[in-house]
Amino acid sequence: MDKLIYTAMSGAKATMSRQASVANNLANVSTTGFRAEMNRLRAVPVQSEALPSRAHVVEATVGADMRAGAIMQTGRPLDMAIQGEGWFAVRAADGSEAYTRDGSFTVDANGMLRTRSGQEVLDDGGNPITLPPDNSIELGGDGTLTATPRDGTLNAANPVARLKLVNPDPATLQRRDDGLFRTAGNQSAAADDNVKALGGALEGSNVSMVDQMVQMISLQRHYEMHTKLLQTAQEDDRAATQILSRT
């Protein structure tokens, strides 16, 4: 009886946790550069002095869906997207180097290039990028940012920085609580000349609303099945108690 209770109880709990991940994916269906969270359920034996006859279910995050989202043309010079594989390098709030696909950048009052969340965007030397005022910014395919004065000689274009574009092994990337990805051990990835960028465009989320809704419905049915098993275990226990009391 207790085997059934262990399985059903832990299964219902893990299903609720997985449902939360699906809800998070749905909440970010329109978030620029978002990577869907992937999860799975697995059985783990219960460690005790009794016989190893019990197992419970745990939910495990196995990583993120690294498929690229759709590229959307915006025409805004500070909107940038990665074509194919690769990441923008930024400096996280804790000072570590982190990676994102969200290229909706802004310039602060000091001319520093930042993400919408406030992280500093890094150049190929790992330093923050500062853009000159009163200049039009154009992004080259290799990540080079070129500034052209809005007044005076319009053809006086000067390269001011080159974005640090990286392409670490996806298996080494981990998403942290701030939504940014980092390599295992917080090691800085080397710049990759093969990563290409596109100006005036953004990459959309790779979350499929239809797929996530199907998963949500399926998980709801799994949860109902687990609670039904708990009810069945309770009814069986009540019936067994009545039979034993008569004997």
Protein backbone atom coordinates (compact mmCIF):
# COMPACT_ATOMS: atom_id res chain seq x y z
CA MET A 1 0.00 0.00 0.00
CA ASP A 2 2.73 2.43 0.99
CA LYS A 3 4.48 1.78 -2.35
CA LEU A 4 1.43 3.16 -4.14
CA ILE A 5 1.27 6.15 -1.79
CA TYR A 6 4.95 6.99 -2.32
CA THR A 7 4.64 6.86 -6.07
CA ALA A 8 1.38 8.80 -6.30
CA MET A 9 2.33 11.43 -3.71
CA SER A 10 5.77 12.22 -5.15
CA GLY A 11 4.42 12.01 -8.70
CA ALA A 12 1.76 14.64 -7.96
CA LYS A 13 4.36 16.94 -6.34
CA ALA A 14 6.79 16.62 -9.25
CA THR A 15 4.00 17.19 -11.76
CA MET A 16 3.09 20.44 -10.02
CA SER A 17 6.73 21.56 -10.23
CA ARG A 18 6.87 20.72 -13.91
CA GLN A 19 3.61 22.58 -14.45
CA ALA A 20 5.30 25.67 -12.98
CA SER A 21 8.07 25.41 -15.61
CA VAL A 22 5.49 25.18 -18.39
CA ALA A 23 3.71 28.23 -16.96
CA ASN A 24 7.04 30.11 -16.96
CA ASN A 25 7.61 29.19 -20.61
CA LEU A 26 4.14 30.44 -21.51
CA ALA A 27 4.76 33.68 -19.63
CA ASN A 28 7.86 34.24 -21.78
CA VAL A 29 6.34 33.36 -25.14
CA SER A 30 6.92 36.96 -26.29
CA THR A 31 10.22 37.59 -24.43
CA THR A 32 13.05 38.50 -26.80
CA GLY A 33 15.65 35.75 -27.16
CA PHE A 34 14.04 33.50 -24.53
CA ARG A 35 15.00 29.82 -24.46
CA ALA A 36 12.30 27.40 -23.33
CA GLU A 37 13.01 25.43 -20.17
CA MET A 38 13.04 21.66 -20.55
CA ASN A 39 12.16 19.23 -17.75
CA ARG A 40 11.63 15.55 -17.15
CA LEU A 41 10.47 13.23 -14.38
CA ARG A 42 12.50 10.31 -13.05
CA ALA A 43 12.12 7.63 -10.39
CA VAL A 44 14.52 7.55 -7.43
CA PRO A 45 14.72 4.68 -4.88
CA VAL A 46 13.94 5.64 -1.29
CA GLN A 47 17.01 5.13 0.92
CA SER A 48 16.02 3.50 4.20
CA GLU A 49 16.82 0.55 6.45
CA ALA A 50 13.83 -1.31 5.06
CA LEU A 51 13.79 -3.29 1.86
CA PRO A 52 14.50 -1.16 -1.23
CA SER A 53 10.97 -1.62 -2.51
CA ARG A 54 9.86 2.00 -2.59
CA ALA A 55 10.55 4.71 -5.12
CA HIS A 56 9.46 8.28 -5.47
CA VAL A 57 9.33 10.64 -8.42
CA VAL A 58 11.47 13.77 -8.75
CA GLU A 59 11.42 16.56 -11.31
CA ALA A 60 14.73 17.50 -12.93
CA THR A 61 15.62 20.44 -15.15
CA VAL A 62 17.60 19.03 -18.06
CA GLY A 63 18.47 22.36 -19.64
CA ALA A 64 17.03 24.70 -22.21
CA ASP A 65 15.75 24.31 -25.74
CA MET A 66 18.57 25.88 -27.77
CA ARG A 67 16.69 26.12 -31.05
CA ALA A 68 16.71 29.62 -32.51
CA GLY A 69 13.61 31.78 -32.46
CA ALA A 70 12.22 33.72 -35.41
CA ILE A 71 14.10 36.87 -36.48
CA MET A 72 11.93 40.00 -36.53
CA GLN A 73 13.00 43.16 -38.38
CA THR A 74 12.56 46.28 -36.24
CA GLY A 75 14.67 48.91 -38.04
CA ARG A 76 15.97 50.18 -34.68
CA PRO A 77 19.79 50.53 -34.83
CA LEU A 78 20.36 49.27 -31.28
CA ASP A 79 18.27 46.14 -31.84
CA MET A 80 20.61 43.27 -32.65
CA ALA A 81 20.14 39.57 -33.28
CA ILE A 82 22.39 36.53 -33.58
CA GLN A 83 22.14 34.67 -36.87
CA GLY A 84 22.35 30.96 -36.15
CA GLU A 85 24.31 29.80 -33.12
CA GLY A 86 26.02 32.14 -30.67
CA TRP A 87 25.48 34.57 -27.81
CA PHE A 88 26.04 38.18 -26.80
CA ALA A 89 28.42 38.58 -23.85
CA VAL A 90 27.28 40.86 -21.01
CA ARG A 91 28.40 41.62 -17.47
CA ALA A 92 25.92 40.35 -14.88
CA ALA A 93 25.04 42.12 -11.64
CA ASP A 94 27.48 39.89 -9.72
CA GLY A 95 30.35 40.93 -12.02
CA SER A 96 30.58 37.63 -13.87
CA GLU A 97 30.45 37.27 -17.63
CA ALA A 98 27.08 36.00 -18.81
CA TYR A 99 25.40 35.32 -22.14
CA THR A 100 22.09 36.25 -23.69
CA ARG A 101 20.29 36.17 -27.02
CA ASP A 102 18.30 39.29 -26.17
CA GLY A 103 19.81 42.05 -28.31
CA SER A 104 17.36 44.86 -27.50
CA PHE A 105 20.12 47.20 -26.30
CA THR A 106 19.95 50.76 -25.00
CA VAL A 107 22.45 53.54 -24.26
CA ASP A 108 22.49 55.09 -20.79
CA ALA A 109 23.23 58.73 -19.87
CA ASN A 110 26.98 58.01 -19.94
CA GLY A 111 26.89 56.49 -23.41
CA MET A 112 27.35 52.93 -22.14
CA LEU A 113 25.66 50.16 -24.12
CA ARG A 114 23.40 48.08 -21.89
CA THR A 115 20.70 45.44 -22.09
CA ARG A 116 17.11 46.32 -21.24
CA SER A 117 17.75 44.80 -17.81
CA GLY A 118 20.77 47.06 -17.21
CA GLN A 119 23.67 44.68 -17.84
CA GLU A 120 26.75 46.11 -19.57
CA VAL A 121 27.34 44.79 -23.08
CA LEU A 122 30.95 43.65 -23.54
CA ASP A 123 33.38 44.09 -26.42
CA ASP A 124 35.72 41.40 -27.72
CA GLY A 125 38.22 42.33 -25.02
CA GLY A 126 35.70 41.78 -22.23
CA ASN A 127 35.27 45.50 -21.52
CA PRO A 128 32.07 47.59 -21.42
CA ILE A 129 31.18 49.38 -24.65
CA THR A 130 30.76 53.17 -24.67
CA LEU A 131 29.24 54.81 -27.74
CA PRO A 132 29.90 58.44 -28.79
CA PRO A 133 26.96 60.87 -28.53
CA ASP A 134 25.19 62.36 -31.57
CA ASN A 135 26.23 59.46 -33.79
CA SER A 136 24.30 56.91 -35.79
CA ILE A 137 25.31 53.37 -34.90
CA GLU A 138 25.51 50.57 -37.44
CA LEU A 139 26.23 46.92 -36.71
CA GLY A 140 28.40 44.83 -39.00
CA GLY A 141 27.95 41.11 -39.46
CA ASP A 142 31.10 40.41 -37.45
CA GLY A 143 29.83 42.44 -34.49
CA THR A 144 31.68 45.66 -35.30
CA LEU A 145 29.85 48.82 -34.22
CA THR A 146 30.46 51.79 -36.50
CA ALA A 147 29.57 55.36 -35.50
CA THR A 148 28.69 58.03 -38.05
CA PRO A 149 28.17 61.68 -36.94
CA ARG A 150 24.66 62.96 -37.49
CA ASP A 151 26.06 66.44 -38.28
CA GLY A 152 29.05 67.46 -40.34
CA THR A 153 30.78 64.96 -42.59
CA LEU A 154 28.31 62.12 -42.95
CA ASN A 155 30.84 59.76 -44.49
CA ALA A 156 33.22 59.98 -41.52
CA ALA A 157 32.33 56.53 -40.19
CA ASN A 158 34.55 55.20 -37.42
CA PRO A 159 34.56 51.72 -35.86
CA VAL A 160 34.17 52.23 -32.11
CA ALA A 161 33.92 48.68 -30.75
CA ARG A 162 33.30 45.08 -31.61
CA LEU A 163 30.74 43.04 -29.72
CA LYS A 164 31.98 39.94 -27.98
CA LEU A 165 30.13 37.15 -29.74
CA VAL A 166 30.68 33.68 -28.29
CA ASN A 167 29.55 30.18 -29.06
CA PRO A 168 30.34 27.86 -26.13
CA ASP A 169 29.26 24.24 -26.06
CA PRO A 170 25.51 24.29 -25.19
CA ALA A 171 26.08 21.37 -22.81
CA THR A 172 28.23 23.63 -20.61
CA LEU A 173 25.67 26.45 -20.39
CA GLN A 174 23.44 26.84 -17.35
CA ARG A 175 20.60 29.31 -16.89
CA ARG A 176 20.75 31.15 -13.56
CA ASP A 177 18.05 32.92 -11.57
CA ASP A 178 18.64 36.21 -13.42
CA GLY A 179 17.68 34.53 -16.71
CA LEU A 180 21.21 34.79 -18.12
CA PHE A 181 23.33 31.82 -19.16
CA ARG A 182 26.80 31.09 -17.83
CA THR A 183 29.35 28.37 -18.47
CA ALA A 184 30.09 25.76 -15.85
CA GLY A 185 32.39 27.26 -13.25
CA ASN A 186 31.65 30.78 -14.53
CA GLN A 187 34.53 30.51 -16.99
CA SER A 188 34.60 33.18 -19.71
CA ALA A 189 34.05 31.85 -23.21
CA ALA A 190 36.39 32.93 -26.00
CA ALA A 191 35.12 35.21 -28.75
CA ASP A 192 34.13 33.29 -31.89
CA ASP A 193 34.63 34.95 -35.27
CA ASN A 194 32.15 32.54 -36.85
CA VAL A 195 29.20 34.01 -34.94
CA LYS A 196 27.29 36.50 -37.09
CA ALA A 197 25.11 39.37 -35.93
CA LEU A 198 22.32 41.28 -37.63
CA GLY A 199 21.42 44.90 -36.92
CA GLY A 200 17.93 46.35 -36.81
CA ALA A 201 16.39 43.02 -35.82
CA LEU A 202 15.50 40.95 -32.78
CA GLU A 203 15.16 37.23 -32.16
CA GLY A 204 11.84 36.17 -30.72
CA SER A 205 11.22 33.53 -28.09
CA ASN A 206 11.51 29.91 -29.23
CA VAL A 207 8.56 28.87 -27.05
CA SER A 208 5.73 27.23 -28.98
CA MET A 209 2.48 28.26 -27.33
CA VAL A 210 0.61 25.31 -28.82
CA ASP A 211 3.21 22.81 -27.60
CA GLN A 212 3.27 24.29 -24.09
CA MET A 213 -0.54 24.31 -23.87
CA VAL A 214 -0.60 20.64 -24.88
CA GLN A 215 1.98 19.90 -22.18
CA MET A 216 -0.05 21.82 -19.61
CA ILE A 217 -3.19 19.82 -20.39
CA SER A 218 -1.21 16.56 -20.28
CA LEU A 219 0.36 17.46 -16.92
CA GLN A 220 -3.05 18.35 -15.51
CA ARG A 221 -4.31 14.89 -16.46
CA HIS A 222 -1.22 13.30 -14.88
CA TYR A 223 -1.89 15.21 -11.66
CA GLU A 224 -5.51 14.06 -11.62
CA MET A 225 -4.32 10.49 -12.15
CA HIS A 226 -1.94 10.71 -9.16
CA THR A 227 -4.63 12.15 -6.88
CA LYS A 228 -6.99 9.39 -8.03
CA LEU A 229 -4.36 6.82 -7.03
CA LEU A 230 -4.13 8.39 -3.58
CA GLN A 231 -7.90 8.14 -3.22
CA THR A 232 -7.76 4.51 -4.35
CA ALA A 233 -5.03 3.78 -1.79
CA GLN A 234 -7.17 5.33 0.94
CA GLU A 235 -10.23 3.28 -0.08
CA ASP A 236 -8.18 0.07 -0.23
CA ASP A 237 -6.72 0.78 3.20
CA ARG A 238 -10.18 1.39 4.64
CA ALA A 239 -11.48 -1.84 3.12
CA ALA A 240 -8.49 -3.83 4.38
CA THR A 241 -8.96 -2.43 7.88
CA GLN A 242 -12.61 -3.48 7.91
CA ILE A 243 -11.72 -7.01 6.81
CA LEU A 244 -8.98 -7.35 9.43
CA SER A 245 -11.26 -6.02 12.18
CA ARG A 246 -13.78 -8.77 11.45
CA THR A 247 -11.17 -11.48 11.81
